[in-house]
Amino acid sequence: MKLKNCLGEIINNFIKLIMYHMGLQIRHGNIRNLTGTLCFFICLMVLSPVAVSAKQADAGDFRTVGVGYIASTISGVDKRDAKVALDIMVGKIVERKFPEVQSSSVIYPDMEAAEHAVENNDIDIMTMLSINYLEIRDRNILIPKYIGSIGREPEEKYVLLVKKEHNIKALSELRNKKIITQKGGNGVLSLMWLDTLLMEQSLPESRFFFNSVKKNSKVSMAVLPVFFGQADACIVPRNAYETMVELNPQIGKKLNVLSESPGFLVTISCFRSGMAENSRKIIEEQFDTLDENPEYHQILILFHLKSVNRYKPEYLLNVEKLYNKYHRLKLSSKRGN
């Protein structure tokens, strides 16, 4: 018993160390890149009872629940740290409630690898970028279920910022200038939005239009170079920019919002379509009682998120419009050449 208590204390301390490290990442401007990780963790918490149902149905049937996410859904935190923290926390939860059940988590480098895992039934649930889901939606291999909410709304808006004293009034004036965007899901979506704006004005895509397109995982490292005149423009989440302005009003006085995007859903957590119906129902029942789980509240606080909610089709409308317009303009541009 003493040995068990000692091991439990070691695990708890290790979790605290990992969480502290991830907390440092968040306080340095990476919070908005970790939404996918939060969704992934919540899904693991929800999925653990599915394995238990299989155990209860057949005492000799031992099942490992597979959960995955695509690497592009997070940035700003070492993926190995994220996986270790998630594995330990989830293992702790599962071991406490269901001692004989195991769970496995996988970080996939790209959508192709993730699709292969889903098709082989290796993964029960997958967290991906919303545009990744649009790319495979017609194949009906995944069913969207959950989304993470950072602010009051489930979608993320982006702002294109320039320095006021440069008196830039139009996007075309940024030709051959330096711009900074983000890594991860926010970077993918915001660049697609920017490229769409450019092509709508018969301008080249960002990689040809700007002198340089630099990517950074921290919001502050995108905004401050523009503030100090080291870069000409940047694209960041609006809520993150507003938070910086609250902390330092001088930023708002010296920077100007040249353009603002609609709200885009960044990540989606999906079920494998071949999952048994009773397993889906168990997951949904567990999701409805997540508020009773102290780990759920701890992880929300850590990632500064308000909630993880059920997916609604309307959440995807703006991303779908952007995705279709971008590819339509790109095709038209190629034909024009």
C-alpha atoms as a PDB file:
ATOM      1  CA  MET A   1       0.000   0.000   0.000  1.00  0.00           C
ATOM      2  CA  LYS A   2       2.854   2.387   0.845  1.00  0.00           C
ATOM      3  CA  LEU A   3       4.501   1.580  -2.493  1.00  0.00           C
ATOM      4  CA  LYS A   4       1.234   2.234  -4.340  1.00  0.00           C
ATOM      5  CA  ASN A   5       0.773   5.571  -2.565  1.00  0.00           C
ATOM      6  CA  CYS A   6       4.376   6.507  -3.348  1.00  0.00           C
ATOM      7  CA  LEU A   7       3.929   5.710  -7.040  1.00  0.00           C
ATOM      8  CA  GLY A   8       0.710   7.696  -7.075  1.00  0.00           C
ATOM      9  CA  GLU A   9       2.491  10.708  -5.600  1.00  0.00           C
ATOM     10  CA  ILE A  10       5.300  10.419  -8.172  1.00  0.00           C
ATOM     11  CA  ILE A  11       2.752  10.325 -11.022  1.00  0.00           C
ATOM     12  CA  ASN A  12       0.885  13.312  -9.588  1.00  0.00           C
ATOM     13  CA  ASN A  13       4.092  15.334  -9.285  1.00  0.00           C
ATOM     14  CA  PHE A  14       5.136  14.423 -12.827  1.00  0.00           C
ATOM     15  CA  ILE A  15       1.763  15.535 -14.148  1.00  0.00           C
ATOM     16  CA  LYS A  16       2.095  18.834 -12.281  1.00  0.00           C
ATOM     17  CA  LEU A  17       5.572  19.344 -13.798  1.00  0.00           C
ATOM     18  CA  ILE A  18       4.313  18.718 -17.341  1.00  0.00           C
ATOM     19  CA  MET A  19       1.264  20.927 -16.763  1.00  0.00           C
ATOM     20  CA  TYR A  20       3.484  23.693 -15.379  1.00  0.00           C
ATOM     21  CA  HIS A  21       5.684  23.519 -18.490  1.00  0.00           C
ATOM     22  CA  MET A  22       2.618  23.691 -20.743  1.00  0.00           C
ATOM     23  CA  GLY A  23       1.306  26.560 -18.624  1.00  0.00           C
ATOM     24  CA  LEU A  24       4.495  28.499 -19.330  1.00  0.00           C
ATOM     25  CA  GLN A  25       3.895  27.976 -23.042  1.00  0.00           C
ATOM     26  CA  ILE A  26       0.394  29.369 -22.643  1.00  0.00           C
ATOM     27  CA  ARG A  27       1.476  32.441 -20.692  1.00  0.00           C
ATOM     28  CA  HIS A  28       3.967  33.230 -23.462  1.00  0.00           C
ATOM     29  CA  GLY A  29       1.297  33.534 -26.098  1.00  0.00           C
ATOM     30  CA  ASN A  30       0.646  29.979 -27.281  1.00  0.00           C
ATOM     31  CA  ILE A  31      -2.812  29.414 -25.803  1.00  0.00           C
ATOM     32  CA  ARG A  32      -4.703  29.661 -29.087  1.00  0.00           C
ATOM     33  CA  ASN A  33      -2.606  26.982 -30.705  1.00  0.00           C
ATOM     34  CA  LEU A  34      -3.574  24.375 -28.110  1.00  0.00           C
ATOM     35  CA  THR A  35      -7.293  24.057 -28.751  1.00  0.00           C
ATOM     36  CA  GLY A  36      -6.821  20.814 -30.641  1.00  0.00           C
ATOM     37  CA  THR A  37      -4.932  19.349 -27.696  1.00  0.00           C
ATOM     38  CA  LEU A  38      -7.751  20.237 -25.341  1.00  0.00           C
ATOM     39  CA  CYS A  39     -10.360  18.625 -27.608  1.00  0.00           C
ATOM     40  CA  PHE A  40      -8.127  15.575 -27.890  1.00  0.00           C
ATOM     41  CA  PHE A  41      -7.807  15.242 -24.111  1.00  0.00           C
ATOM     42  CA  ILE A  42     -11.525  15.681 -23.499  1.00  0.00           C
ATOM     43  CA  CYS A  43     -12.284  13.041 -26.113  1.00  0.00           C
ATOM     44  CA  LEU A  44      -9.930  10.624 -24.378  1.00  0.00           C
ATOM     45  CA  MET A  45     -11.734  11.229 -21.098  1.00  0.00           C
ATOM     46  CA  VAL A  46     -15.065  10.586 -22.761  1.00  0.00           C
ATOM     47  CA  LEU A  47     -13.914   7.514 -24.656  1.00  0.00           C
ATOM     48  CA  SER A  48     -12.625   5.552 -21.683  1.00  0.00           C
ATOM     49  CA  PRO A  49     -16.110   4.246 -20.705  1.00  0.00           C
ATOM     50  CA  VAL A  50     -16.510   2.787 -24.201  1.00  0.00           C
ATOM     51  CA  ALA A  51     -13.761   0.320 -23.466  1.00  0.00           C
ATOM     52  CA  VAL A  52     -15.415  -0.454 -20.149  1.00  0.00           C
ATOM     53  CA  SER A  53     -18.680  -1.324 -21.862  1.00  0.00           C
ATOM     54  CA  ALA A  54     -16.796  -3.881 -23.935  1.00  0.00           C
ATOM     55  CA  LYS A  55     -15.237  -5.309 -20.784  1.00  0.00           C
ATOM     56  CA  GLN A  56     -18.608  -5.573 -19.055  1.00  0.00           C
ATOM     57  CA  ALA A  57     -20.078  -7.316 -22.071  1.00  0.00           C
ATOM     58  CA  ASP A  58     -17.340  -9.950 -22.099  1.00  0.00           C
ATOM     59  CA  ALA A  59     -14.981 -10.298 -19.164  1.00  0.00           C
ATOM     60  CA  GLY A  60     -12.385 -11.918 -21.395  1.00  0.00           C
ATOM     61  CA  ASP A  61     -12.417  -9.137 -24.003  1.00  0.00           C
ATOM     62  CA  PHE A  62      -9.615  -6.626 -23.388  1.00  0.00           C
ATOM     63  CA  ARG A  63      -9.837  -3.505 -25.544  1.00  0.00           C
ATOM     64  CA  THR A  64      -7.465  -0.619 -26.119  1.00  0.00           C
ATOM     65  CA  VAL A  65      -9.219   2.590 -27.179  1.00  0.00           C
ATOM     66  CA  GLY A  66      -7.456   4.486 -29.983  1.00  0.00           C
ATOM     67  CA  VAL A  67      -7.511   8.264 -30.132  1.00  0.00           C
ATOM     68  CA  GLY A  68      -5.535  10.414 -32.568  1.00  0.00           C
ATOM     69  CA  TYR A  69      -4.995  13.935 -33.760  1.00  0.00           C
ATOM     70  CA  ILE A  70      -3.087  15.566 -36.568  1.00  0.00           C
ATOM     71  CA  ALA A  71       0.105  17.438 -35.683  1.00  0.00           C
ATOM     72  CA  SER A  72      -1.048  20.629 -37.441  1.00  0.00           C
ATOM     73  CA  THR A  73      -3.797  21.117 -34.857  1.00  0.00           C
ATOM     74  CA  ILE A  74      -1.261  22.316 -32.294  1.00  0.00           C
ATOM     75  CA  SER A  75       1.889  24.394 -32.221  1.00  0.00           C
ATOM     76  CA  GLY A  76       3.832  26.356 -29.661  1.00  0.00           C
ATOM     77  CA  VAL A  77       4.319  23.335 -27.418  1.00  0.00           C
ATOM     78  CA  ASP A  78       6.622  20.376 -27.945  1.00  0.00           C
ATOM     79  CA  LYS A  79       4.473  17.557 -29.320  1.00  0.00           C
ATOM     80  CA  ARG A  80       6.364  14.998 -27.242  1.00  0.00           C
ATOM     81  CA  ASP A  81       5.556  16.968 -24.086  1.00  0.00           C
ATOM     82  CA  ALA A  82       1.919  17.208 -25.119  1.00  0.00           C
ATOM     83  CA  LYS A  83       1.689  13.473 -25.761  1.00  0.00           C
ATOM     84  CA  VAL A  84       3.412  12.533 -22.497  1.00  0.00           C
ATOM     85  CA  ALA A  85       1.160  14.843 -20.492  1.00  0.00           C
ATOM     86  CA  LEU A  86      -1.979  13.565 -22.184  1.00  0.00           C
ATOM     87  CA  ASP A  87      -1.000   9.910 -21.877  1.00  0.00           C
ATOM     88  CA  ILE A  88      -0.221  10.266 -18.175  1.00  0.00           C
ATOM     89  CA  MET A  89      -3.363  12.211 -17.356  1.00  0.00           C
ATOM     90  CA  VAL A  90      -5.638   9.923 -19.340  1.00  0.00           C
ATOM     91  CA  GLY A  91      -3.947   6.812 -17.981  1.00  0.00           C
ATOM     92  CA  LYS A  92      -4.457   8.136 -14.473  1.00  0.00           C
ATOM     93  CA  ILE A  93      -8.146   8.757 -15.110  1.00  0.00           C
ATOM     94  CA  VAL A  94      -8.703   5.379 -16.753  1.00  0.00           C
ATOM     95  CA  GLU A  95      -6.727   3.485 -14.098  1.00  0.00           C
ATOM     96  CA  ARG A  96      -8.673   5.094 -11.268  1.00  0.00           C
ATOM     97  CA  LYS A  97     -12.078   4.339 -12.770  1.00  0.00           C
ATOM     98  CA  PHE A  98     -11.395   1.276 -14.909  1.00  0.00           C
ATOM     99  CA  PRO A  99      -8.219  -0.565 -13.780  1.00  0.00           C
ATOM    100  CA  GLU A 100      -8.277  -3.189 -16.553  1.00  0.00           C
ATOM    101  CA  VAL A 101      -8.711  -0.841 -19.506  1.00  0.00           C
ATOM    102  CA  GLN A 102      -5.943   0.722 -21.611  1.00  0.00           C
ATOM    103  CA  SER A 103      -5.965   3.712 -23.945  1.00  0.00           C
ATOM    104  CA  SER A 104      -3.566   4.659 -26.720  1.00  0.00           C
ATOM    105  CA  SER A 105      -2.961   8.038 -28.328  1.00  0.00           C
ATOM    106  CA  VAL A 106      -1.239   8.823 -31.608  1.00  0.00           C
ATOM    107  CA  ILE A 107      -0.056  12.085 -33.182  1.00  0.00           C
ATOM    108  CA  TYR A 108      -0.263  11.756 -36.961  1.00  0.00           C
ATOM    109  CA  PRO A 109       2.059  13.861 -39.152  1.00  0.00           C
ATOM    110  CA  ASP A 110      -0.580  14.516 -41.822  1.00  0.00           C
ATOM    111  CA  MET A 111      -4.116  13.761 -42.944  1.00  0.00           C
ATOM    112  CA  GLU A 112      -3.056  10.892 -45.182  1.00  0.00           C
ATOM    113  CA  ALA A 113      -1.617   8.949 -42.239  1.00  0.00           C
ATOM    114  CA  ALA A 114      -4.685   9.730 -40.144  1.00  0.00           C
ATOM    115  CA  GLU A 115      -7.048   8.527 -42.869  1.00  0.00           C
ATOM    116  CA  HIS A 116      -5.150   5.263 -43.112  1.00  0.00           C
ATOM    117  CA  ALA A 117      -5.506   4.727 -39.352  1.00  0.00           C
ATOM    118  CA  VAL A 118      -9.239   5.399 -39.471  1.00  0.00           C
ATOM    119  CA  GLU A 119      -9.751   3.041 -42.393  1.00  0.00           C
ATOM    120  CA  ASN A 120      -7.866   0.303 -40.500  1.00  0.00           C
ATOM    121  CA  ASN A 121     -10.065   0.876 -37.412  1.00  0.00           C
ATOM    122  CA  ASP A 122      -6.956   1.798 -35.391  1.00  0.00           C
ATOM    123  CA  ILE A 123      -8.553   5.047 -34.244  1.00  0.00           C
ATOM    124  CA  ASP A 124     -11.976   5.609 -32.692  1.00  0.00           C
ATOM    125  CA  ILE A 125     -11.848   9.375 -32.584  1.00  0.00           C
ATOM    126  CA  MET A 126      -9.760  11.956 -34.437  1.00  0.00           C
ATOM    127  CA  THR A 127      -9.120  15.673 -33.921  1.00  0.00           C
ATOM    128  CA  MET A 128      -8.238  17.608 -37.077  1.00  0.00           C
ATOM    129  CA  LEU A 129      -8.412  21.020 -38.704  1.00  0.00           C
ATOM    130  CA  SER A 130     -11.828  21.970 -40.037  1.00  0.00           C
ATOM    131  CA  ILE A 131     -10.457  22.214 -43.580  1.00  0.00           C
ATOM    132  CA  ASN A 132      -9.018  18.689 -43.225  1.00  0.00           C
ATOM    133  CA  TYR A 133     -12.505  17.465 -42.448  1.00  0.00           C
ATOM    134  CA  LEU A 134     -13.904  19.245 -45.524  1.00  0.00           C
ATOM    135  CA  GLU A 135     -11.337  17.444 -47.672  1.00  0.00           C
ATOM    136  CA  ILE A 136     -12.587  14.006 -46.603  1.00  0.00           C
ATOM    137  CA  ARG A 137     -16.220  14.750 -45.733  1.00  0.00           C
ATOM    138  CA  ASP A 138     -17.649  13.124 -48.862  1.00  0.00           C
ATOM    139  CA  ARG A 139     -15.994   9.824 -47.969  1.00  0.00           C
ATOM    140  CA  ASN A 140     -18.164   9.502 -44.835  1.00  0.00           C
ATOM    141  CA  ILE A 141     -15.449   7.838 -42.764  1.00  0.00           C
ATOM    142  CA  LEU A 142     -15.689  10.357 -39.888  1.00  0.00           C
ATOM    143  CA  ILE A 143     -18.609  12.003 -38.086  1.00  0.00           C
ATOM    144  CA  PRO A 144     -17.994  15.445 -36.511  1.00  0.00           C
ATOM    145  CA  LYS A 145     -18.973  15.572 -32.828  1.00  0.00           C
ATOM    146  CA  TYR A 146     -17.108  18.109 -30.649  1.00  0.00           C
ATOM    147  CA  ILE A 147     -15.503  21.534 -30.914  1.00  0.00           C
ATOM    148  CA  GLY A 148     -13.545  23.601 -28.382  1.00  0.00           C
ATOM    149  CA  SER A 149     -14.631  27.153 -27.506  1.00  0.00           C
ATOM    150  CA  ILE A 150     -11.885  29.612 -26.559  1.00  0.00           C
ATOM    151  CA  GLY A 151     -14.060  32.699 -26.195  1.00  0.00           C
ATOM    152  CA  ARG A 152     -17.748  33.474 -26.236  1.00  0.00           C
ATOM    153  CA  GLU A 153     -18.086  32.093 -29.764  1.00  0.00           C
ATOM    154  CA  PRO A 154     -16.900  28.733 -31.123  1.00  0.00           C
ATOM    155  CA  GLU A 155     -15.285  30.358 -34.173  1.00  0.00           C
ATOM    156  CA  GLU A 156     -12.003  32.284 -34.360  1.00  0.00           C
ATOM    157  CA  LYS A 157     -11.687  35.636 -36.141  1.00  0.00           C
ATOM    158  CA  TYR A 158      -8.395  36.959 -37.535  1.00  0.00           C
ATOM    159  CA  VAL A 159      -7.075  40.490 -37.978  1.00  0.00           C
ATOM    160  CA  LEU A 160      -4.506  41.771 -40.483  1.00  0.00           C
ATOM    161  CA  LEU A 161      -2.464  44.389 -38.615  1.00  0.00           C
ATOM    162  CA  VAL A 162      -0.225  47.190 -39.924  1.00  0.00           C
ATOM    163  CA  LYS A 163       1.495  50.133 -38.276  1.00  0.00           C
ATOM    164  CA  LYS A 164      -0.619  53.304 -38.329  1.00  0.00           C
ATOM    165  CA  GLU A 165       2.262  55.643 -39.085  1.00  0.00           C
ATOM    166  CA  HIS A 166       2.939  53.790 -42.359  1.00  0.00           C
ATOM    167  CA  ASN A 167      -0.496  54.965 -43.540  1.00  0.00           C
ATOM    168  CA  ILE A 168      -1.289  51.730 -45.384  1.00  0.00           C
ATOM    169  CA  LYS A 169      -4.924  51.806 -46.511  1.00  0.00           C
ATOM    170  CA  ALA A 170      -5.168  48.886 -48.949  1.00  0.00           C
ATOM    171  CA  LEU A 171      -3.914  45.321 -49.139  1.00  0.00           C
ATOM    172  CA  SER A 172      -2.210  46.041 -52.475  1.00  0.00           C
ATOM    173  CA  GLU A 173       0.155  48.459 -50.695  1.00  0.00           C
ATOM    174  CA  LEU A 174       1.776  45.525 -48.889  1.00  0.00           C
ATOM    175  CA  ARG A 175       3.358  44.148 -52.067  1.00  0.00           C
ATOM    176  CA  ASN A 176       6.989  43.081 -51.451  1.00  0.00           C
ATOM    177  CA  LYS A 177       6.592  43.744 -47.713  1.00  0.00           C
ATOM    178  CA  LYS A 178       7.301  41.435 -44.756  1.00  0.00           C
ATOM    179  CA  ILE A 179       4.414  39.673 -43.023  1.00  0.00           C
ATOM    180  CA  ILE A 180       4.264  37.338 -40.004  1.00  0.00           C
ATOM    181  CA  THR A 181       1.611  34.641 -39.562  1.00  0.00           C
ATOM    182  CA  GLN A 182       1.129  31.808 -37.102  1.00  0.00           C
ATOM    183  CA  LYS A 183       2.068  28.166 -37.135  1.00  0.00           C
ATOM    184  CA  GLY A 184      -0.488  25.406 -36.671  1.00  0.00           C
ATOM    185  CA  GLY A 185      -4.183  25.520 -37.401  1.00  0.00           C
ATOM    186  CA  ASN A 186      -4.520  29.267 -36.951  1.00  0.00           C
ATOM    187  CA  GLY A 187      -1.755  29.810 -39.485  1.00  0.00           C
ATOM    188  CA  VAL A 188      -3.326  27.478 -42.041  1.00  0.00           C
ATOM    189  CA  LEU A 189      -6.750  29.119 -41.841  1.00  0.00           C
ATOM    190  CA  SER A 190      -5.547  32.713 -41.643  1.00  0.00           C
ATOM    191  CA  LEU A 191      -3.235  32.262 -44.655  1.00  0.00           C
ATOM    192  CA  MET A 192      -6.062  30.722 -46.672  1.00  0.00           C
ATOM    193  CA  TRP A 193      -8.179  33.752 -45.793  1.00  0.00           C
ATOM    194  CA  LEU A 194      -5.359  36.149 -46.754  1.00  0.00           C
ATOM    195  CA  ASP A 195      -4.692  34.337 -50.041  1.00  0.00           C
ATOM    196  CA  THR A 196      -8.406  34.535 -50.846  1.00  0.00           C
ATOM    197  CA  LEU A 197      -8.400  38.289 -50.202  1.00  0.00           C
ATOM    198  CA  LEU A 198      -5.401  38.681 -52.492  1.00  0.00           C
ATOM    199  CA  MET A 199      -6.845  36.622 -55.333  1.00  0.00           C
ATOM    200  CA  GLU A 200     -10.162  38.458 -55.071  1.00  0.00           C
ATOM    201  CA  GLN A 201      -8.204  41.609 -55.957  1.00  0.00           C
ATOM    202  CA  SER A 202      -6.380  39.831 -58.807  1.00  0.00           C
ATOM    203  CA  LEU A 203      -3.176  39.794 -56.774  1.00  0.00           C
ATOM    204  CA  PRO A 204      -0.765  36.840 -56.388  1.00  0.00           C
ATOM    205  CA  GLU A 205      -0.976  34.499 -53.400  1.00  0.00           C
ATOM    206  CA  SER A 206       0.952  35.486 -50.286  1.00  0.00           C
ATOM    207  CA  ARG A 207       4.096  33.470 -51.074  1.00  0.00           C
ATOM    208  CA  PHE A 208       4.490  35.419 -54.325  1.00  0.00           C
ATOM    209  CA  PHE A 209       3.022  38.742 -53.200  1.00  0.00           C
ATOM    210  CA  PHE A 210       5.115  39.378 -50.079  1.00  0.00           C
ATOM    211  CA  ASN A 211       8.872  39.688 -49.838  1.00  0.00           C
ATOM    212  CA  SER A 212       8.780  37.200 -46.958  1.00  0.00           C
ATOM    213  CA  VAL A 213       6.136  35.248 -45.024  1.00  0.00           C
ATOM    214  CA  LYS A 214       7.450  34.287 -41.602  1.00  0.00           C
ATOM    215  CA  LYS A 215       5.587  31.912 -39.272  1.00  0.00           C
ATOM    216  CA  ASN A 216       5.739  32.097 -35.492  1.00  0.00           C
ATOM    217  CA  SER A 217       3.985  30.056 -32.826  1.00  0.00           C
ATOM    218  CA  LYS A 218       3.509  32.990 -30.433  1.00  0.00           C
ATOM    219  CA  VAL A 219       0.999  35.779 -31.004  1.00  0.00           C
ATOM    220  CA  SER A 220       3.286  38.282 -29.276  1.00  0.00           C
ATOM    221  CA  MET A 221       6.134  37.404 -31.663  1.00  0.00           C
ATOM    222  CA  ALA A 222       3.890  38.269 -34.592  1.00  0.00           C
ATOM    223  CA  VAL A 223       2.461  41.525 -33.204  1.00  0.00           C
ATOM    224  CA  LEU A 224       5.540  43.079 -31.572  1.00  0.00           C
ATOM    225  CA  PRO A 225       7.768  43.072 -34.693  1.00  0.00           C
ATOM    226  CA  VAL A 226       5.069  45.141 -36.457  1.00  0.00           C
ATOM    227  CA  PHE A 227       4.803  47.401 -33.405  1.00  0.00           C
ATOM    228  CA  PHE A 228       8.573  48.012 -33.438  1.00  0.00           C
ATOM    229  CA  GLY A 229       8.799  48.352 -37.226  1.00  0.00           C
ATOM    230  CA  GLN A 230      10.700  45.094 -37.831  1.00  0.00           C
ATOM    231  CA  ALA A 231       7.875  43.704 -39.994  1.00  0.00           C
ATOM    232  CA  ASP A 232       5.218  45.411 -42.094  1.00  0.00           C
ATOM    233  CA  ALA A 233       2.140  43.324 -41.235  1.00  0.00           C
ATOM    234  CA  CYS A 234       0.909  40.311 -39.292  1.00  0.00           C
ATOM    235  CA  ILE A 235      -2.188  38.139 -38.986  1.00  0.00           C
ATOM    236  CA  VAL A 236      -3.279  36.977 -35.518  1.00  0.00           C
ATOM    237  CA  PRO A 237      -6.498  35.873 -33.784  1.00  0.00           C
ATOM    238  CA  ARG A 238      -8.587  38.909 -32.911  1.00  0.00           C
ATOM    239  CA  ASN A 239      -9.226  37.848 -29.303  1.00  0.00           C
ATOM    240  CA  ALA A 240      -5.513  37.338 -28.691  1.00  0.00           C
ATOM    241  CA  TYR A 241      -4.741  40.776 -30.150  1.00  0.00           C
ATOM    242  CA  GLU A 242      -7.426  42.403 -27.994  1.00  0.00           C
ATOM    243  CA  THR A 243      -5.915  40.775 -24.917  1.00  0.00           C
ATOM    244  CA  MET A 244      -2.506  42.232 -25.799  1.00  0.00           C
ATOM    245  CA  VAL A 245      -4.060  45.674 -26.229  1.00  0.00           C
ATOM    246  CA  GLU A 246      -5.716  45.408 -22.808  1.00  0.00           C
ATOM    247  CA  LEU A 247      -2.346  44.634 -21.264  1.00  0.00           C
ATOM    248  CA  ASN A 248      -0.512  47.299 -23.295  1.00  0.00           C
ATOM    249  CA  PRO A 249      -2.817  50.021 -24.734  1.00  0.00           C
ATOM    250  CA  GLN A 250       0.124  51.485 -26.699  1.00  0.00           C
ATOM    251  CA  ILE A 251      -0.131  48.518 -29.078  1.00  0.00           C
ATOM    252  CA  GLY A 252      -3.674  49.475 -30.014  1.00  0.00           C
ATOM    253  CA  LYS A 253      -2.666  53.108 -30.486  1.00  0.00           C
ATOM    254  CA  LYS A 254       0.179  52.306 -32.884  1.00  0.00           C
ATOM    255  CA  LEU A 255      -1.371  49.447 -34.882  1.00  0.00           C
ATOM    256  CA  ASN A 256      -4.276  49.496 -37.288  1.00  0.00           C
ATOM    257  CA  VAL A 257      -6.632  46.673 -38.331  1.00  0.00           C
ATOM    258  CA  LEU A 258      -6.415  46.653 -42.127  1.00  0.00           C
ATOM    259  CA  SER A 259      -8.851  43.762 -42.507  1.00  0.00           C
ATOM    260  CA  GLU A 260     -10.833  41.370 -40.300  1.00  0.00           C
ATOM    261  CA  SER A 261     -12.038  37.880 -41.177  1.00  0.00           C
ATOM    262  CA  PRO A 262     -15.354  36.188 -40.437  1.00  0.00           C
ATOM    263  CA  GLY A 263     -15.340  33.626 -37.638  1.00  0.00           C
ATOM    264  CA  PHE A 264     -13.785  30.290 -38.638  1.00  0.00           C
ATOM    265  CA  LEU A 265     -13.995  26.992 -36.787  1.00  0.00           C
ATOM    266  CA  VAL A 266     -10.412  25.826 -36.316  1.00  0.00           C
ATOM    267  CA  THR A 267     -10.593  22.207 -35.119  1.00  0.00           C
ATOM    268  CA  ILE A 268     -13.152  19.401 -35.029  1.00  0.00           C
ATOM    269  CA  SER A 269     -13.141  16.114 -33.129  1.00  0.00           C
ATOM    270  CA  CYS A 270     -14.798  13.300 -35.078  1.00  0.00           C
ATOM    271  CA  PHE A 271     -15.956   9.730 -34.434  1.00  0.00           C
ATOM    272  CA  ARG A 272     -15.072   6.907 -36.761  1.00  0.00           C
ATOM    273  CA  SER A 273     -18.252   6.238 -38.742  1.00  0.00           C
ATOM    274  CA  GLY A 274     -17.908   2.471 -38.258  1.00  0.00           C
ATOM    275  CA  MET A 275     -18.050   2.783 -34.469  1.00  0.00           C
ATOM    276  CA  ALA A 276     -20.825   0.711 -32.885  1.00  0.00           C
ATOM    277  CA  GLU A 277     -23.998   2.645 -32.102  1.00  0.00           C
ATOM    278  CA  ASN A 278     -24.003   1.605 -28.437  1.00  0.00           C
ATOM    279  CA  SER A 279     -20.453   2.933 -28.081  1.00  0.00           C
ATOM    280  CA  ARG A 280     -21.496   6.291 -29.533  1.00  0.00           C
ATOM    281  CA  LYS A 281     -24.387   6.508 -27.082  1.00  0.00           C
ATOM    282  CA  ILE A 282     -22.094   5.748 -24.152  1.00  0.00           C
ATOM    283  CA  ILE A 283     -19.719   8.499 -25.248  1.00  0.00           C
ATOM    284  CA  GLU A 284     -22.548  11.023 -25.528  1.00  0.00           C
ATOM    285  CA  GLU A 285     -23.895  10.052 -22.109  1.00  0.00           C
ATOM    286  CA  GLN A 286     -20.464  10.536 -20.592  1.00  0.00           C
ATOM    287  CA  PHE A 287     -20.040  13.860 -22.353  1.00  0.00           C
ATOM    288  CA  ASP A 288     -23.238  15.137 -20.723  1.00  0.00           C
ATOM    289  CA  THR A 289     -21.751  14.475 -17.282  1.00  0.00           C
ATOM    290  CA  LEU A 290     -18.235  15.840 -17.868  1.00  0.00           C
ATOM    291  CA  ASP A 291     -18.960  18.761 -15.541  1.00  0.00           C
ATOM    292  CA  GLU A 292     -18.835  16.261 -12.684  1.00  0.00           C
ATOM    293  CA  ASN A 293     -15.245  15.335 -13.527  1.00  0.00           C
ATOM    294  CA  PRO A 294     -12.622  17.478 -11.716  1.00  0.00           C
ATOM    295  CA  GLU A 295     -10.000  16.727 -14.394  1.00  0.00           C
ATOM    296  CA  TYR A 296     -12.277  18.324 -16.987  1.00  0.00           C
ATOM    297  CA  HIS A 297     -12.362  21.614 -15.072  1.00  0.00           C
ATOM    298  CA  GLN A 298      -8.610  21.522 -14.475  1.00  0.00           C
ATOM    299  CA  ILE A 299      -7.840  21.098 -18.141  1.00  0.00           C
ATOM    300  CA  LEU A 300     -10.251  23.890 -19.118  1.00  0.00           C
ATOM    301  CA  ILE A 301      -8.508  26.234 -16.701  1.00  0.00           C
ATOM    302  CA  LEU A 302      -5.073  25.194 -17.973  1.00  0.00           C
ATOM    303  CA  PHE A 303      -5.952  25.920 -21.597  1.00  0.00           C
ATOM    304  CA  HIS A 304      -8.013  29.039 -20.776  1.00  0.00           C
ATOM    305  CA  LEU A 305     -11.002  27.541 -22.588  1.00  0.00           C
ATOM    306  CA  LYS A 306     -14.619  28.142 -21.762  1.00  0.00           C
ATOM    307  CA  SER A 307     -15.997  24.788 -22.821  1.00  0.00           C
ATOM    308  CA  VAL A 308     -15.996  21.872 -25.240  1.00  0.00           C
ATOM    309  CA  ASN A 309     -19.323  21.703 -27.042  1.00  0.00           C
ATOM    310  CA  ARG A 310     -21.193  19.490 -29.430  1.00  0.00           C
ATOM    311  CA  TYR A 311     -20.591  20.216 -33.089  1.00  0.00           C
ATOM    312  CA  LYS A 312     -23.320  21.984 -35.092  1.00  0.00           C
ATOM    313  CA  PRO A 313     -23.308  22.115 -38.914  1.00  0.00           C
ATOM    314  CA  GLU A 314     -23.630  25.908 -38.890  1.00  0.00           C
ATOM    315  CA  TYR A 315     -20.212  26.164 -37.198  1.00  0.00           C
ATOM    316  CA  LEU A 316     -18.626  24.976 -40.432  1.00  0.00           C
ATOM    317  CA  LEU A 317     -20.418  27.339 -42.844  1.00  0.00           C
ATOM    318  CA  ASN A 318     -17.824  30.140 -42.909  1.00  0.00           C
ATOM    319  CA  VAL A 319     -14.919  27.703 -43.294  1.00  0.00           C
ATOM    320  CA  GLU A 320     -16.779  25.942 -46.102  1.00  0.00           C
ATOM    321  CA  LYS A 321     -17.383  29.241 -47.911  1.00  0.00           C
ATOM    322  CA  LEU A 322     -13.718  30.185 -47.531  1.00  0.00           C
ATOM    323  CA  TYR A 323     -12.526  26.754 -48.667  1.00  0.00           C
ATOM    324  CA  ASN A 324     -14.728  26.786 -51.787  1.00  0.00           C
ATOM    325  CA  LYS A 325     -13.914  30.390 -52.709  1.00  0.00           C
ATOM    326  CA  TYR A 326     -10.177  29.847 -52.259  1.00  0.00           C
ATOM    327  CA  HIS A 327     -10.111  26.801 -54.542  1.00  0.00           C
ATOM    328  CA  ARG A 328     -12.388  28.457 -57.095  1.00  0.00           C
ATOM    329  CA  LEU A 329     -10.152  31.530 -57.298  1.00  0.00           C
ATOM    330  CA  LYS A 330      -7.019  29.396 -57.408  1.00  0.00           C
ATOM    331  CA  LEU A 331      -8.403  27.371 -60.310  1.00  0.00           C
ATOM    332  CA  SER A 332      -9.456  30.548 -62.109  1.00  0.00           C
ATOM    333  CA  SER A 333      -5.993  32.025 -61.558  1.00  0.00           C
ATOM    334  CA  LYS A 334      -4.325  28.964 -63.083  1.00  0.00           C
ATOM    335  CA  ARG A 335      -6.590  29.124 -66.104  1.00  0.00           C
ATOM    336  CA  GLY A 336      -5.766  32.790 -66.527  1.00  0.00           C
ATOM    337  CA  ASN A 337      -2.082  31.911 -66.714  1.00  0.00           C
END
